[in-house]
């Protein structure tokens, strides 16, 4: 069996990892858990144009008012805003 030589982490890296472990443990004690969330990259080529096209499709839709009311209702429920 071949041994792979690796350099042990630097003291600075070990301290940073320890701080992160402590921080994550604190959050877990508060009832939180880590999640990974993937969102569109607004800097990606074509993003702005695709967004514009989708917005135009919604604005030209026969159900635009209903769709907008639905989204505004969701926002109001989740951000404690007055309902439209």
PDB file of N, CA and C in Angstrom:
ATOM      1  N   UNK A   1       0.843  -1.174   0.000  1.00  0.00           N
ATOM      2  CA  UNK A   1       0.000   0.000   0.000  1.00  0.00           C
ATOM      3  C   UNK A   1       0.892   1.243   0.000  1.00  0.00           C
ATOM      4  N   UNK A   2       0.577   2.189  -0.857  1.00  0.00           N
ATOM      5  CA  UNK A   2       1.349   3.407  -0.973  1.00  0.00           C
ATOM      6  C   UNK A   2       0.781   4.464  -0.044  1.00  0.00           C
ATOM      7  N   UNK A   3       1.676   5.084   0.715  1.00  0.00           N
ATOM      8  CA  UNK A   3       1.245   6.173   1.588  1.00  0.00           C
ATOM      9  C   UNK A   3       1.268   7.474   0.798  1.00  0.00           C
ATOM     10  N   UNK A   4       0.249   8.259   1.001  1.00  0.00           N
ATOM     11  CA  UNK A   4       0.195   9.563   0.368  1.00  0.00           C
ATOM     12  C   UNK A   4       0.637  10.581   1.399  1.00  0.00           C
ATOM     13  N   UNK A   5       1.658  11.360   1.041  1.00  0.00           N
ATOM     14  CA  UNK A   5       2.170  12.371   1.950  1.00  0.00           C
ATOM     15  C   UNK A   5       1.325  13.628   1.823  1.00  0.00           C
ATOM     16  N   UNK A   6       0.857  14.122   2.938  1.00  0.00           N
ATOM     17  CA  UNK A   6       0.133  15.388   2.923  1.00  0.00           C
ATOM     18  C   UNK A   6       0.666  16.259   4.047  1.00  0.00           C
ATOM     19  N   UNK A   7       0.662  17.530   3.782  1.00  0.00           N
ATOM     20  CA  UNK A   7       1.127  18.493   4.771  1.00  0.00           C
ATOM     21  C   UNK A   7       0.004  18.764   5.755  1.00  0.00           C
ATOM     22  N   UNK A   8       0.295  18.716   7.048  1.00  0.00           N
ATOM     23  CA  UNK A   8      -0.762  19.013   8.020  1.00  0.00           C
ATOM     24  C   UNK A   8      -1.224  20.465   7.860  1.00  0.00           C
ATOM     25  N   UNK A   9      -2.478  20.734   8.197  1.00  0.00           N
ATOM     26  CA  UNK A   9      -2.988  22.110   8.073  1.00  0.00           C
ATOM     27  C   UNK A   9      -2.213  23.061   8.987  1.00  0.00           C
ATOM     28  N   UNK A  10      -2.091  24.285   8.539  1.00  0.00           N
ATOM     29  CA  UNK A  10      -1.376  25.287   9.327  1.00  0.00           C
ATOM     30  C   UNK A  10      -2.165  25.608  10.598  1.00  0.00           C
ATOM     31  N   UNK A  11      -1.498  26.141  11.609  1.00  0.00           N
ATOM     32  CA  UNK A  11      -2.212  26.518  12.837  1.00  0.00           C
ATOM     33  C   UNK A  11      -3.348  27.514  12.557  1.00  0.00           C
ATOM     34  N   UNK A  12      -3.117  28.430  11.631  1.00  0.00           N
ATOM     35  CA  UNK A  12      -4.152  29.413  11.289  1.00  0.00           C
ATOM     36  C   UNK A  12      -5.384  28.719  10.716  1.00  0.00           C
ATOM     37  N   UNK A  13      -5.167  27.747   9.845  1.00  0.00           N
ATOM     38  CA  UNK A  13      -6.269  27.002   9.235  1.00  0.00           C
ATOM     39  C   UNK A  13      -7.007  26.173  10.285  1.00  0.00           C
ATOM     40  N   UNK A  14      -6.255  25.573  11.219  1.00  0.00           N
ATOM     41  CA  UNK A  14      -6.892  24.792  12.291  1.00  0.00           C
ATOM     42  C   UNK A  14      -7.753  25.693  13.184  1.00  0.00           C
ATOM     43  N   UNK A  15      -7.254  26.905  13.486  1.00  0.00           N
ATOM     44  CA  UNK A  15      -8.047  27.846  14.307  1.00  0.00           C
ATOM     45  C   UNK A  15      -9.335  28.238  13.581  1.00  0.00           C
ATOM     46  N   UNK A  16      -9.222  28.511  12.287  1.00  0.00           N
ATOM     47  CA  UNK A  16     -10.408  28.908  11.507  1.00  0.00           C
ATOM     48  C   UNK A  16     -11.424  27.767  11.477  1.00  0.00           C
ATOM     49  N   UNK A  17     -10.960  26.545  11.286  1.00  0.00           N
ATOM     50  CA  UNK A  17     -11.864  25.393  11.249  1.00  0.00           C
ATOM     51  C   UNK A  17     -12.530  25.197  12.612  1.00  0.00           C
ATOM     52  N   UNK A  18     -11.783  25.413  13.689  1.00  0.00           N
ATOM     53  CA  UNK A  18     -12.342  25.290  15.039  1.00  0.00           C
ATOM     54  C   UNK A  18     -13.405  26.348  15.299  1.00  0.00           C
ATOM     55  N   UNK A  19     -13.146  27.570  14.845  1.00  0.00           N
ATOM     56  CA  UNK A  19     -14.136  28.640  15.016  1.00  0.00           C
ATOM     57  C   UNK A  19     -15.415  28.310  14.251  1.00  0.00           C
ATOM     58  N   UNK A  20     -15.262  27.785  13.039  1.00  0.00           N
ATOM     59  CA  UNK A  20     -16.438  27.438  12.229  1.00  0.00           C
ATOM     60  C   UNK A  20     -17.225  26.315  12.890  1.00  0.00           C
ATOM     61  N   UNK A  21     -16.533  25.312  13.438  1.00  0.00           N
ATOM     62  CA  UNK A  21     -17.217  24.218  14.145  1.00  0.00           C
ATOM     63  C   UNK A  21     -18.014  24.757  15.324  1.00  0.00           C
ATOM     64  N   UNK A  22     -17.389  25.662  16.105  1.00  0.00           N
ATOM     65  CA  UNK A  22     -18.054  26.264  17.261  1.00  0.00           C
ATOM     66  C   UNK A  22     -19.275  27.067  16.831  1.00  0.00           C
ATOM     67  N   UNK A  23     -19.117  27.864  15.778  1.00  0.00           N
ATOM     68  CA  UNK A  23     -20.216  28.690  15.272  1.00  0.00           C
ATOM     69  C   UNK A  23     -21.383  27.825  14.790  1.00  0.00           C
ATOM     70  N   UNK A  24     -21.070  26.763  14.039  1.00  0.00           N
ATOM     71  CA  UNK A  24     -22.128  25.876  13.542  1.00  0.00           C
ATOM     72  C   UNK A  24     -22.819  25.145  14.684  1.00  0.00           C
ATOM     73  N   UNK A  25     -22.077  24.748  15.692  1.00  0.00           N
ATOM     74  CA  UNK A  25     -22.674  24.077  16.853  1.00  0.00           C
ATOM     75  C   UNK A  25     -23.631  25.031  17.570  1.00  0.00           C
ATOM     76  N   UNK A  26     -23.237  26.300  17.687  1.00  0.00           N
ATOM     77  CA  UNK A  26     -24.099  27.306  18.319  1.00  0.00           C
ATOM     78  C   UNK A  26     -25.411  27.447  17.546  1.00  0.00           C
ATOM     79  N   UNK A  27     -25.321  27.521  16.218  1.00  0.00           N
ATOM     80  CA  UNK A  27     -26.522  27.650  15.402  1.00  0.00           C
ATOM     81  C   UNK A  27     -27.418  26.416  15.530  1.00  0.00           C
ATOM     82  N   UNK A  28     -26.812  25.241  15.587  1.00  0.00           N
ATOM     83  CA  UNK A  28     -27.607  24.011  15.749  1.00  0.00           C
ATOM     84  C   UNK A  28     -28.331  24.004  17.091  1.00  0.00           C
ATOM     85  N   UNK A  29     -27.662  24.485  18.143  1.00  0.00           N
ATOM     86  CA  UNK A  29     -28.315  24.573  19.465  1.00  0.00           C
ATOM     87  C   UNK A  29     -29.506  25.531  19.425  1.00  0.00           C
ATOM     88  N   UNK A  30     -29.471  26.502  18.525  1.00  0.00           N
ATOM     89  CA  UNK A  30     -30.568  27.442  18.373  1.00  0.00           C
ATOM     90  C   UNK A  30     -31.679  26.879  17.484  1.00  0.00           C
ATOM     91  N   UNK A  31     -31.522  25.619  17.080  1.00  0.00           N
ATOM     92  CA  UNK A  31     -32.562  24.977  16.279  1.00  0.00           C
ATOM     93  C   UNK A  31     -32.421  25.192  14.780  1.00  0.00           C
ATOM     94  N   UNK A  32     -31.274  25.671  14.345  1.00  0.00           N
ATOM     95  CA  UNK A  32     -31.058  25.895  12.920  1.00  0.00           C
ATOM     96  C   UNK A  32     -30.247  24.750  12.323  1.00  0.00           C
ATOM     97  N   UNK A  33     -30.339  24.622  11.022  1.00  0.00           N
ATOM     98  CA  UNK A  33     -29.526  23.621  10.341  1.00  0.00           C
ATOM     99  C   UNK A  33     -29.024  24.199   9.030  1.00  0.00           C
ATOM    100  N   UNK A  34     -27.853  23.755   8.597  1.00  0.00           N
ATOM    101  CA  UNK A  34     -27.306  24.301   7.355  1.00  0.00           C
ATOM    102  C   UNK A  34     -28.024  23.717   6.139  1.00  0.00           C
ATOM    103  N   UNK A  35     -28.230  24.561   5.149  1.00  0.00           N
ATOM    104  CA  UNK A  35     -28.784  24.110   3.872  1.00  0.00           C
ATOM    105  C   UNK A  35     -28.005  24.805   2.758  1.00  0.00           C
ATOM    106  N   UNK A  36     -28.000  24.182   1.604  1.00  0.00           N
ATOM    107  CA  UNK A  36     -27.362  24.793   0.449  1.00  0.00           C
ATOM    108  C   UNK A  36     -28.461  25.191  -0.519  1.00  0.00           C
ATOM    109  N   UNK A  37     -28.409  26.409  -0.976  1.00  0.00           N
ATOM    110  CA  UNK A  37     -29.447  26.944  -1.836  1.00  0.00           C
ATOM    111  C   UNK A  37     -28.803  27.456  -3.117  1.00  0.00           C
ATOM    112  N   UNK A  38     -29.246  26.931  -4.236  1.00  0.00           N
ATOM    113  CA  UNK A  38     -28.725  27.370  -5.528  1.00  0.00           C
ATOM    114  C   UNK A  38     -29.704  28.353  -6.144  1.00  0.00           C
ATOM    115  N   UNK A  39     -29.203  29.484  -6.559  1.00  0.00           N
ATOM    116  CA  UNK A  39     -30.025  30.522  -7.175  1.00  0.00           C
ATOM    117  C   UNK A  39     -29.413  30.916  -8.514  1.00  0.00           C
ATOM    118  N   UNK A  40     -30.212  31.503  -9.390  1.00  0.00           N
ATOM    119  CA  UNK A  40     -29.651  31.934 -10.676  1.00  0.00           C
ATOM    120  C   UNK A  40     -28.531  32.962 -10.470  1.00  0.00           C
ATOM    121  N   UNK A  41     -27.522  32.874 -11.307  1.00  0.00           N
ATOM    122  CA  UNK A  41     -26.411  33.818 -11.259  1.00  0.00           C
ATOM    123  C   UNK A  41     -26.805  35.044 -12.058  1.00  0.00           C
ATOM    124  N   UNK A  42     -27.084  36.117 -11.359  1.00  0.00           N
ATOM    125  CA  UNK A  42     -27.543  37.337 -12.022  1.00  0.00           C
ATOM    126  C   UNK A  42     -26.443  37.983 -12.867  1.00  0.00           C
ATOM    127  N   UNK A  43     -25.197  37.508 -12.703  1.00  0.00           N
ATOM    128  CA  UNK A  43     -24.090  38.048 -13.500  1.00  0.00           C
ATOM    129  C   UNK A  43     -23.868  37.260 -14.783  1.00  0.00           C
ATOM    130  N   UNK A  44     -24.573  36.144 -14.931  1.00  0.00           N
ATOM    131  CA  UNK A  44     -24.366  35.265 -16.090  1.00  0.00           C
ATOM    132  C   UNK A  44     -24.800  35.962 -17.381  1.00  0.00           C
ATOM    133  N   UNK A  45     -24.071  35.682 -18.452  1.00  0.00           N
ATOM    134  CA  UNK A  45     -24.480  36.247 -19.740  1.00  0.00           C
ATOM    135  C   UNK A  45     -25.900  35.792 -20.081  1.00  0.00           C
ATOM    136  N   UNK A  46     -26.708  36.707 -20.529  1.00  0.00           N
ATOM    137  CA  UNK A  46     -28.064  36.370 -20.931  1.00  0.00           C
ATOM    138  C   UNK A  46     -29.089  36.422 -19.816  1.00  0.00           C
ATOM    139  N   UNK A  47     -28.650  36.566 -18.570  1.00  0.00           N
ATOM    140  CA  UNK A  47     -29.615  36.568 -17.464  1.00  0.00           C
ATOM    141  C   UNK A  47     -30.595  37.733 -17.590  1.00  0.00           C
ATOM    142  N   UNK A  48     -30.065  38.932 -17.779  1.00  0.00           N
ATOM    143  CA  UNK A  48     -30.924  40.120 -17.836  1.00  0.00           C
ATOM    144  C   UNK A  48     -31.936  40.009 -18.977  1.00  0.00           C
ATOM    145  N   UNK A  49     -31.489  39.525 -20.120  1.00  0.00           N
ATOM    146  CA  UNK A  49     -32.400  39.388 -21.263  1.00  0.00           C
ATOM    147  C   UNK A  49     -33.481  38.347 -20.979  1.00  0.00           C
ATOM    148  N   UNK A  50     -33.106  37.209 -20.385  1.00  0.00           N
ATOM    149  CA  UNK A  50     -34.092  36.172 -20.055  1.00  0.00           C
ATOM    150  C   UNK A  50     -35.100  36.709 -19.038  1.00  0.00           C
ATOM    151  N   UNK A  51     -34.630  37.466 -18.076  1.00  0.00           N
ATOM    152  CA  UNK A  51     -35.514  38.053 -17.076  1.00  0.00           C
ATOM    153  C   UNK A  51     -36.499  39.023 -17.729  1.00  0.00           C
ATOM    154  N   UNK A  52     -35.982  39.831 -18.630  1.00  0.00           N
ATOM    155  CA  UNK A  52     -36.833  40.791 -19.337  1.00  0.00           C
ATOM    156  C   UNK A  52     -37.900  40.065 -20.151  1.00  0.00           C
ATOM    157  N   UNK A  53     -37.500  39.010 -20.868  1.00  0.00           N
ATOM    158  CA  UNK A  53     -38.451  38.247 -21.679  1.00  0.00           C
ATOM    159  C   UNK A  53     -39.537  37.610 -20.807  1.00  0.00           C
ATOM    160  N   UNK A  54     -39.139  37.034 -19.683  1.00  0.00           N
ATOM    161  CA  UNK A  54     -40.114  36.398 -18.793  1.00  0.00           C
ATOM    162  C   UNK A  54     -41.056  37.439 -18.183  1.00  0.00           C
ATOM    163  N   UNK A  55     -40.517  38.595 -17.833  1.00  0.00           N
ATOM    164  CA  UNK A  55     -41.357  39.662 -17.276  1.00  0.00           C
ATOM    165  C   UNK A  55     -42.376  40.143 -18.306  1.00  0.00           C
ATOM    166  N   UNK A  56     -41.937  40.259 -19.554  1.00  0.00           N
ATOM    167  CA  UNK A  56     -42.859  40.668 -20.614  1.00  0.00           C
ATOM    168  C   UNK A  56     -43.952  39.624 -20.839  1.00  0.00           C
ATOM    169  N   UNK A  57     -43.577  38.335 -20.763  1.00  0.00           N
ATOM    170  CA  UNK A  57     -44.579  37.280 -20.929  1.00  0.00           C
ATOM    171  C   UNK A  57     -45.640  37.374 -19.841  1.00  0.00           C
ATOM    172  N   UNK A  58     -45.217  37.620 -18.616  1.00  0.00           N
ATOM    173  CA  UNK A  58     -46.179  37.742 -17.511  1.00  0.00           C
ATOM    174  C   UNK A  58     -47.053  38.976 -17.720  1.00  0.00           C
ATOM    175  N   UNK A  59     -46.436  40.084 -18.117  1.00  0.00           N
ATOM    176  CA  UNK A  59     -47.214  41.318 -18.271  1.00  0.00           C
ATOM    177  C   UNK A  59     -48.230  41.222 -19.404  1.00  0.00           C
ATOM    178  N   UNK A  60     -47.981  40.352 -20.371  1.00  0.00           N
ATOM    179  CA  UNK A  60     -48.907  40.190 -21.502  1.00  0.00           C
ATOM    180  C   UNK A  60     -49.905  39.057 -21.288  1.00  0.00           C
ATOM    181  N   UNK A  61     -49.770  38.374 -20.170  1.00  0.00           N
ATOM    182  CA  UNK A  61     -50.635  37.229 -19.884  1.00  0.00           C
ATOM    183  C   UNK A  61     -52.041  37.698 -19.508  1.00  0.00           C
ATOM    184  N   UNK A  62     -53.064  36.947 -19.960  1.00  0.00           N
ATOM    185  CA  UNK A  62     -54.434  37.307 -19.572  1.00  0.00           C
ATOM    186  C   UNK A  62     -54.645  37.235 -18.052  1.00  0.00           C
ATOM    187  N   UNK A  63     -53.855  36.430 -17.370  1.00  0.00           N
ATOM    188  CA  UNK A  63     -54.018  36.294 -15.918  1.00  0.00           C
ATOM    189  C   UNK A  63     -53.029  37.125 -15.136  1.00  0.00           C
ATOM    190  N   UNK A  64     -52.495  38.183 -15.759  1.00  0.00           N
ATOM    191  CA  UNK A  64     -51.457  38.993 -15.107  1.00  0.00           C
ATOM    192  C   UNK A  64     -51.888  39.510 -13.742  1.00  0.00           C
ATOM    193  N   UNK A  65     -53.060  40.090 -13.652  1.00  0.00           N
ATOM    194  CA  UNK A  65     -53.503  40.667 -12.374  1.00  0.00           C
ATOM    195  C   UNK A  65     -53.616  39.592 -11.294  1.00  0.00           C
ATOM    196  N   UNK A  66     -54.149  38.443 -11.668  1.00  0.00           N
ATOM    197  CA  UNK A  66     -54.277  37.335 -10.717  1.00  0.00           C
ATOM    198  C   UNK A  66     -52.889  36.858 -10.285  1.00  0.00           C
ATOM    199  N   UNK A  67     -51.966  36.729 -11.250  1.00  0.00           N
ATOM    200  CA  UNK A  67     -50.613  36.257 -10.942  1.00  0.00           C
ATOM    201  C   UNK A  67     -49.881  37.228 -10.012  1.00  0.00           C
ATOM    202  N   UNK A  68     -49.989  38.511 -10.309  1.00  0.00           N
ATOM    203  CA  UNK A  68     -49.328  39.527  -9.481  1.00  0.00           C
ATOM    204  C   UNK A  68     -49.937  39.532  -8.080  1.00  0.00           C
ATOM    205  N   UNK A  69     -51.234  39.428  -7.978  1.00  0.00           N
ATOM    206  CA  UNK A  69     -51.889  39.386  -6.662  1.00  0.00           C
ATOM    207  C   UNK A  69     -51.423  38.173  -5.857  1.00  0.00           C
ATOM    208  N   UNK A  70     -51.256  37.042  -6.542  1.00  0.00           N
ATOM    209  CA  UNK A  70     -50.783  35.831  -5.879  1.00  0.00           C
ATOM    210  C   UNK A  70     -49.383  36.047  -5.301  1.00  0.00           C
ATOM    211  N   UNK A  71     -48.468  36.585  -6.110  1.00  0.00           N
ATOM    212  CA  UNK A  71     -47.094  36.821  -5.661  1.00  0.00           C
ATOM    213  C   UNK A  71     -47.069  37.847  -4.529  1.00  0.00           C
ATOM    214  N   UNK A  72     -47.828  38.918  -4.671  1.00  0.00           N
ATOM    215  CA  UNK A  72     -47.867  39.936  -3.617  1.00  0.00           C
ATOM    216  C   UNK A  72     -48.439  39.361  -2.327  1.00  0.00           C
ATOM    217  N   UNK A  73     -49.411  38.466  -2.441  1.00  0.00           N
ATOM    218  CA  UNK A  73     -49.959  37.808  -1.258  1.00  0.00           C
ATOM    219  C   UNK A  73     -48.919  36.955  -0.556  1.00  0.00           C
ATOM    220  N   UNK A  74     -48.125  36.228  -1.328  1.00  0.00           N
ATOM    221  CA  UNK A  74     -47.050  35.421  -0.740  1.00  0.00           C
ATOM    222  C   UNK A  74     -46.039  36.309  -0.024  1.00  0.00           C
ATOM    223  N   UNK A  75     -45.674  37.394  -0.678  1.00  0.00           N
ATOM    224  CA  UNK A  75     -44.733  38.317  -0.047  1.00  0.00           C
ATOM    225  C   UNK A  75     -45.305  38.885   1.235  1.00  0.00           C
ATOM    226  N   UNK A  76     -46.554  39.283   1.212  1.00  0.00           N
ATOM    227  CA  UNK A  76     -47.188  39.859   2.396  1.00  0.00           C
ATOM    228  C   UNK A  76     -47.204  38.862   3.551  1.00  0.00           C
ATOM    229  N   UNK A  77     -47.511  37.597   3.249  1.00  0.00           N
ATOM    230  CA  UNK A  77     -47.553  36.570   4.296  1.00  0.00           C
ATOM    231  C   UNK A  77     -46.181  36.314   4.892  1.00  0.00           C
ATOM    232  N   UNK A  78     -45.157  36.344   4.068  1.00  0.00           N
ATOM    233  CA  UNK A  78     -43.825  35.963   4.525  1.00  0.00           C
ATOM    234  C   UNK A  78     -42.969  37.125   4.986  1.00  0.00           C
ATOM    235  N   UNK A  79     -43.369  38.336   4.672  1.00  0.00           N
ATOM    236  CA  UNK A  79     -42.581  39.501   5.097  1.00  0.00           C
ATOM    237  C   UNK A  79     -43.367  40.420   6.023  1.00  0.00           C
ATOM    238  N   UNK A  80     -44.493  39.948   6.514  1.00  0.00           N
ATOM    239  CA  UNK A  80     -45.345  40.734   7.409  1.00  0.00           C
ATOM    240  C   UNK A  80     -45.701  42.091   6.807  1.00  0.00           C
ATOM    241  N   UNK A  81     -46.052  42.090   5.534  1.00  0.00           N
ATOM    242  CA  UNK A  81     -46.474  43.305   4.857  1.00  0.00           C
ATOM    243  C   UNK A  81     -47.995  43.331   4.785  1.00  0.00           C
ATOM    244  N   UNK A  82     -48.567  44.515   4.616  1.00  0.00           N
ATOM    245  CA  UNK A  82     -50.029  44.559   4.451  1.00  0.00           C
ATOM    246  C   UNK A  82     -50.431  43.869   3.159  1.00  0.00           C
ATOM    247  N   UNK A  83     -51.520  43.107   3.208  1.00  0.00           N
ATOM    248  CA  UNK A  83     -51.998  42.423   2.002  1.00  0.00           C
ATOM    249  C   UNK A  83     -52.607  43.437   1.053  1.00  0.00           C
ATOM    250  N   UNK A  84     -52.398  43.209  -0.272  1.00  0.00           N
ATOM    251  CA  UNK A  84     -52.940  44.161  -1.272  1.00  0.00           C
ATOM    252  C   UNK A  84     -54.456  44.136  -1.296  1.00  0.00           C
TER     253      UNK A  84
END
